[in-house]
């Protein structure tokens, strides 16, 4: 008997790479409603295998697999008139290995997980309710 298949992925398929996840994140972002994307003007989406040790400590994570994504930056309320000199752009980090670990344990597509993490990292930072974020995800398909 061959290795188990996950959601139609063949036994010889490779796990999505950093580049694959970047493409999925770009597609997920493009599918979000215009009003939600307007909140994110200038946001940078970065894909990394794992959060760094400093981030894990700040977020009080027990393992490197505990954090699927993170928003770093300033919400609209904190920005005031706009970015200050020397301020880094708003960034959303998606962590590939924890996302893949989650994907392996749940019955969701990798694309829906990426969309969910992206929406929630941005949405929580901008003060959206869970209901608001569910509506954004539903509108994105």
C-alpha atoms as a PDB file:
ATOM      1  CA  UNK A   1       0.000   0.000   0.000  1.00  0.00           C
ATOM      2  CA  UNK A   2       1.343   3.481  -0.851  1.00  0.00           C
ATOM      3  CA  UNK A   3       1.668   6.463   1.467  1.00  0.00           C
ATOM      4  CA  UNK A   4      -1.533   8.183   2.529  1.00  0.00           C
ATOM      5  CA  UNK A   5      -2.849  10.931   0.322  1.00  0.00           C
ATOM      6  CA  UNK A   6      -3.973  14.277   1.753  1.00  0.00           C
ATOM      7  CA  UNK A   7      -6.874  16.049   0.071  1.00  0.00           C
ATOM      8  CA  UNK A   8      -6.129  14.632  -3.336  1.00  0.00           C
ATOM      9  CA  UNK A   9      -2.389  15.269  -3.181  1.00  0.00           C
ATOM     10  CA  UNK A  10      -0.495  12.356  -4.691  1.00  0.00           C
ATOM     11  CA  UNK A  11       1.932  10.289  -2.632  1.00  0.00           C
ATOM     12  CA  UNK A  12       4.848  11.668  -4.636  1.00  0.00           C
ATOM     13  CA  UNK A  13       3.790  15.322  -4.268  1.00  0.00           C
ATOM     14  CA  UNK A  14       6.061  17.684  -2.376  1.00  0.00           C
ATOM     15  CA  UNK A  15       4.850  19.976   0.392  1.00  0.00           C
ATOM     16  CA  UNK A  16       4.230  23.526  -0.797  1.00  0.00           C
ATOM     17  CA  UNK A  17       7.460  25.545  -0.851  1.00  0.00           C
ATOM     18  CA  UNK A  18       7.958  29.079   0.436  1.00  0.00           C
ATOM     19  CA  UNK A  19       7.331  30.266  -3.142  1.00  0.00           C
ATOM     20  CA  UNK A  20       4.134  28.174  -3.393  1.00  0.00           C
ATOM     21  CA  UNK A  21       2.832  29.689  -0.150  1.00  0.00           C
ATOM     22  CA  UNK A  22       3.750  33.172  -1.362  1.00  0.00           C
ATOM     23  CA  UNK A  23       1.707  32.570  -4.525  1.00  0.00           C
ATOM     24  CA  UNK A  24      -1.227  31.258  -2.448  1.00  0.00           C
ATOM     25  CA  UNK A  25      -1.022  34.302  -0.159  1.00  0.00           C
ATOM     26  CA  UNK A  26      -0.975  36.672  -3.151  1.00  0.00           C
ATOM     27  CA  UNK A  27      -4.011  34.887  -4.641  1.00  0.00           C
ATOM     28  CA  UNK A  28      -5.817  34.936  -1.282  1.00  0.00           C
ATOM     29  CA  UNK A  29      -5.117  38.650  -0.845  1.00  0.00           C
ATOM     30  CA  UNK A  30      -6.310  39.452  -4.383  1.00  0.00           C
ATOM     31  CA  UNK A  31      -9.599  37.624  -3.696  1.00  0.00           C
ATOM     32  CA  UNK A  32     -10.385  39.654  -0.566  1.00  0.00           C
ATOM     33  CA  UNK A  33     -13.111  42.318  -0.761  1.00  0.00           C
ATOM     34  CA  UNK A  34     -11.971  45.771  -1.858  1.00  0.00           C
ATOM     35  CA  UNK A  35     -12.916  47.410   1.473  1.00  0.00           C
ATOM     36  CA  UNK A  36     -10.772  44.933   3.398  1.00  0.00           C
ATOM     37  CA  UNK A  37      -7.818  45.341   1.045  1.00  0.00           C
ATOM     38  CA  UNK A  38      -8.130  49.126   1.473  1.00  0.00           C
ATOM     39  CA  UNK A  39      -7.246  48.637   5.172  1.00  0.00           C
ATOM     40  CA  UNK A  40      -4.060  46.961   4.018  1.00  0.00           C
ATOM     41  CA  UNK A  41      -2.660  49.587   1.682  1.00  0.00           C
ATOM     42  CA  UNK A  42       1.091  49.081   1.568  1.00  0.00           C
ATOM     43  CA  UNK A  43       1.058  45.911   3.681  1.00  0.00           C
ATOM     44  CA  UNK A  44       3.889  43.503   2.914  1.00  0.00           C
ATOM     45  CA  UNK A  45       3.225  39.759   3.088  1.00  0.00           C
ATOM     46  CA  UNK A  46       6.260  37.671   4.035  1.00  0.00           C
ATOM     47  CA  UNK A  47       6.473  33.905   4.081  1.00  0.00           C
ATOM     48  CA  UNK A  48       8.997  32.299   6.402  1.00  0.00           C
ATOM     49  CA  UNK A  49       9.445  28.701   7.501  1.00  0.00           C
ATOM     50  CA  UNK A  50       9.157  29.515  11.222  1.00  0.00           C
ATOM     51  CA  UNK A  51       8.910  32.561  13.479  1.00  0.00           C
ATOM     52  CA  UNK A  52      12.244  33.673  14.934  1.00  0.00           C
ATOM     53  CA  UNK A  53      13.106  33.020  18.587  1.00  0.00           C
ATOM     54  CA  UNK A  54      12.385  36.606  19.624  1.00  0.00           C
ATOM     55  CA  UNK A  55       8.870  36.395  18.153  1.00  0.00           C
ATOM     56  CA  UNK A  56       8.247  33.031  19.820  1.00  0.00           C
ATOM     57  CA  UNK A  57       9.294  34.534  23.169  1.00  0.00           C
ATOM     58  CA  UNK A  58       7.172  37.680  22.682  1.00  0.00           C
ATOM     59  CA  UNK A  59       4.107  35.606  21.772  1.00  0.00           C
ATOM     60  CA  UNK A  60       4.764  33.135  24.635  1.00  0.00           C
ATOM     61  CA  UNK A  61       4.731  30.163  22.259  1.00  0.00           C
ATOM     62  CA  UNK A  62       5.608  26.747  23.642  1.00  0.00           C
ATOM     63  CA  UNK A  63       6.883  25.468  20.281  1.00  0.00           C
ATOM     64  CA  UNK A  64       7.775  26.921  16.877  1.00  0.00           C
ATOM     65  CA  UNK A  65       4.572  25.309  15.524  1.00  0.00           C
ATOM     66  CA  UNK A  66       2.232  27.350  17.757  1.00  0.00           C
ATOM     67  CA  UNK A  67       2.161  30.452  15.557  1.00  0.00           C
ATOM     68  CA  UNK A  68       0.711  30.314  12.020  1.00  0.00           C
ATOM     69  CA  UNK A  69       1.010  34.014  11.292  1.00  0.00           C
ATOM     70  CA  UNK A  70       1.665  37.442  12.770  1.00  0.00           C
ATOM     71  CA  UNK A  71       0.877  41.066  11.927  1.00  0.00           C
ATOM     72  CA  UNK A  72       3.630  43.551  12.726  1.00  0.00           C
ATOM     73  CA  UNK A  73       2.962  47.236  12.287  1.00  0.00           C
ATOM     74  CA  UNK A  74       0.413  49.874  13.123  1.00  0.00           C
ATOM     75  CA  UNK A  75      -3.346  49.696  12.757  1.00  0.00           C
ATOM     76  CA  UNK A  76      -5.283  52.619  11.339  1.00  0.00           C
ATOM     77  CA  UNK A  77      -5.855  54.079  14.821  1.00  0.00           C
ATOM     78  CA  UNK A  78      -2.125  54.148  15.546  1.00  0.00           C
ATOM     79  CA  UNK A  79      -1.089  55.550  12.158  1.00  0.00           C
ATOM     80  CA  UNK A  80      -2.737  58.951  12.470  1.00  0.00           C
ATOM     81  CA  UNK A  81      -1.679  61.011   9.480  1.00  0.00           C
ATOM     82  CA  UNK A  82       0.424  58.259   7.977  1.00  0.00           C
ATOM     83  CA  UNK A  83       3.687  56.414   8.405  1.00  0.00           C
ATOM     84  CA  UNK A  84       6.440  58.202  10.275  1.00  0.00           C
ATOM     85  CA  UNK A  85       9.987  58.546   8.955  1.00  0.00           C
ATOM     86  CA  UNK A  86      11.967  55.381   9.618  1.00  0.00           C
ATOM     87  CA  UNK A  87       8.850  53.334  10.338  1.00  0.00           C
ATOM     88  CA  UNK A  88       8.766  49.854   8.846  1.00  0.00           C
ATOM     89  CA  UNK A  89       5.787  49.018   6.615  1.00  0.00           C
ATOM     90  CA  UNK A  90       2.931  46.969   8.025  1.00  0.00           C
ATOM     91  CA  UNK A  91       3.825  43.326   7.518  1.00  0.00           C
ATOM     92  CA  UNK A  92       1.976  40.041   7.738  1.00  0.00           C
ATOM     93  CA  UNK A  93       4.173  37.033   8.350  1.00  0.00           C
ATOM     94  CA  UNK A  94       2.839  33.611   7.378  1.00  0.00           C
ATOM     95  CA  UNK A  95       4.811  30.720   8.797  1.00  0.00           C
ATOM     96  CA  UNK A  96       5.030  27.862   6.313  1.00  0.00           C
ATOM     97  CA  UNK A  97       5.912  24.896   8.541  1.00  0.00           C
ATOM     98  CA  UNK A  98       3.240  25.577  11.208  1.00  0.00           C
ATOM     99  CA  UNK A  99       0.663  26.146   8.435  1.00  0.00           C
ATOM    100  CA  UNK A 100       1.637  22.836   6.799  1.00  0.00           C
ATOM    101  CA  UNK A 101       1.443  21.082  10.172  1.00  0.00           C
ATOM    102  CA  UNK A 102      -2.058  22.490  10.721  1.00  0.00           C
ATOM    103  CA  UNK A 103      -3.059  21.498   7.167  1.00  0.00           C
ATOM    104  CA  UNK A 104      -1.928  17.912   7.743  1.00  0.00           C
ATOM    105  CA  UNK A 105      -4.166  17.646  10.813  1.00  0.00           C
ATOM    106  CA  UNK A 106      -7.357  19.258   9.463  1.00  0.00           C
ATOM    107  CA  UNK A 107      -9.800  18.806   6.613  1.00  0.00           C
ATOM    108  CA  UNK A 108      -9.240  22.189   4.973  1.00  0.00           C
ATOM    109  CA  UNK A 109      -7.470  23.149   1.784  1.00  0.00           C
ATOM    110  CA  UNK A 110      -4.115  24.858   2.103  1.00  0.00           C
ATOM    111  CA  UNK A 111      -5.584  27.871   0.284  1.00  0.00           C
ATOM    112  CA  UNK A 112      -8.426  28.257   2.800  1.00  0.00           C
ATOM    113  CA  UNK A 113      -5.953  28.053   5.699  1.00  0.00           C
ATOM    114  CA  UNK A 114      -3.723  30.713   4.140  1.00  0.00           C
ATOM    115  CA  UNK A 115      -6.773  32.956   3.562  1.00  0.00           C
ATOM    116  CA  UNK A 116      -7.966  32.425   7.141  1.00  0.00           C
ATOM    117  CA  UNK A 117      -4.571  33.259   8.682  1.00  0.00           C
ATOM    118  CA  UNK A 118      -4.112  36.287   6.417  1.00  0.00           C
ATOM    119  CA  UNK A 119      -7.585  37.686   7.182  1.00  0.00           C
ATOM    120  CA  UNK A 120      -7.276  37.087  10.917  1.00  0.00           C
ATOM    121  CA  UNK A 121      -3.809  38.578  11.274  1.00  0.00           C
ATOM    122  CA  UNK A 122      -4.858  41.735   9.439  1.00  0.00           C
ATOM    123  CA  UNK A 123      -8.381  41.832  10.866  1.00  0.00           C
ATOM    124  CA  UNK A 124      -7.448  41.493  14.536  1.00  0.00           C
ATOM    125  CA  UNK A 125      -4.858  44.217  14.190  1.00  0.00           C
ATOM    126  CA  UNK A 126      -7.402  46.589  12.675  1.00  0.00           C
ATOM    127  CA  UNK A 127     -10.018  45.798  15.318  1.00  0.00           C
ATOM    128  CA  UNK A 128     -12.437  43.727  13.242  1.00  0.00           C
ATOM    129  CA  UNK A 129     -14.738  41.338  15.067  1.00  0.00           C
ATOM    130  CA  UNK A 130     -14.721  37.595  14.409  1.00  0.00           C
ATOM    131  CA  UNK A 131     -18.062  38.025  12.615  1.00  0.00           C
ATOM    132  CA  UNK A 132     -16.558  40.736  10.386  1.00  0.00           C
ATOM    133  CA  UNK A 133     -13.624  38.480   9.526  1.00  0.00           C
ATOM    134  CA  UNK A 134     -15.927  35.527   8.785  1.00  0.00           C
ATOM    135  CA  UNK A 135     -17.818  37.781   6.362  1.00  0.00           C
ATOM    136  CA  UNK A 136     -14.541  38.808   4.678  1.00  0.00           C
ATOM    137  CA  UNK A 137     -13.514  35.140   4.315  1.00  0.00           C
ATOM    138  CA  UNK A 138     -16.950  34.212   2.931  1.00  0.00           C
ATOM    139  CA  UNK A 139     -16.774  37.067   0.405  1.00  0.00           C
ATOM    140  CA  UNK A 140     -13.334  35.855  -0.681  1.00  0.00           C
ATOM    141  CA  UNK A 141     -14.839  32.457  -1.477  1.00  0.00           C
END
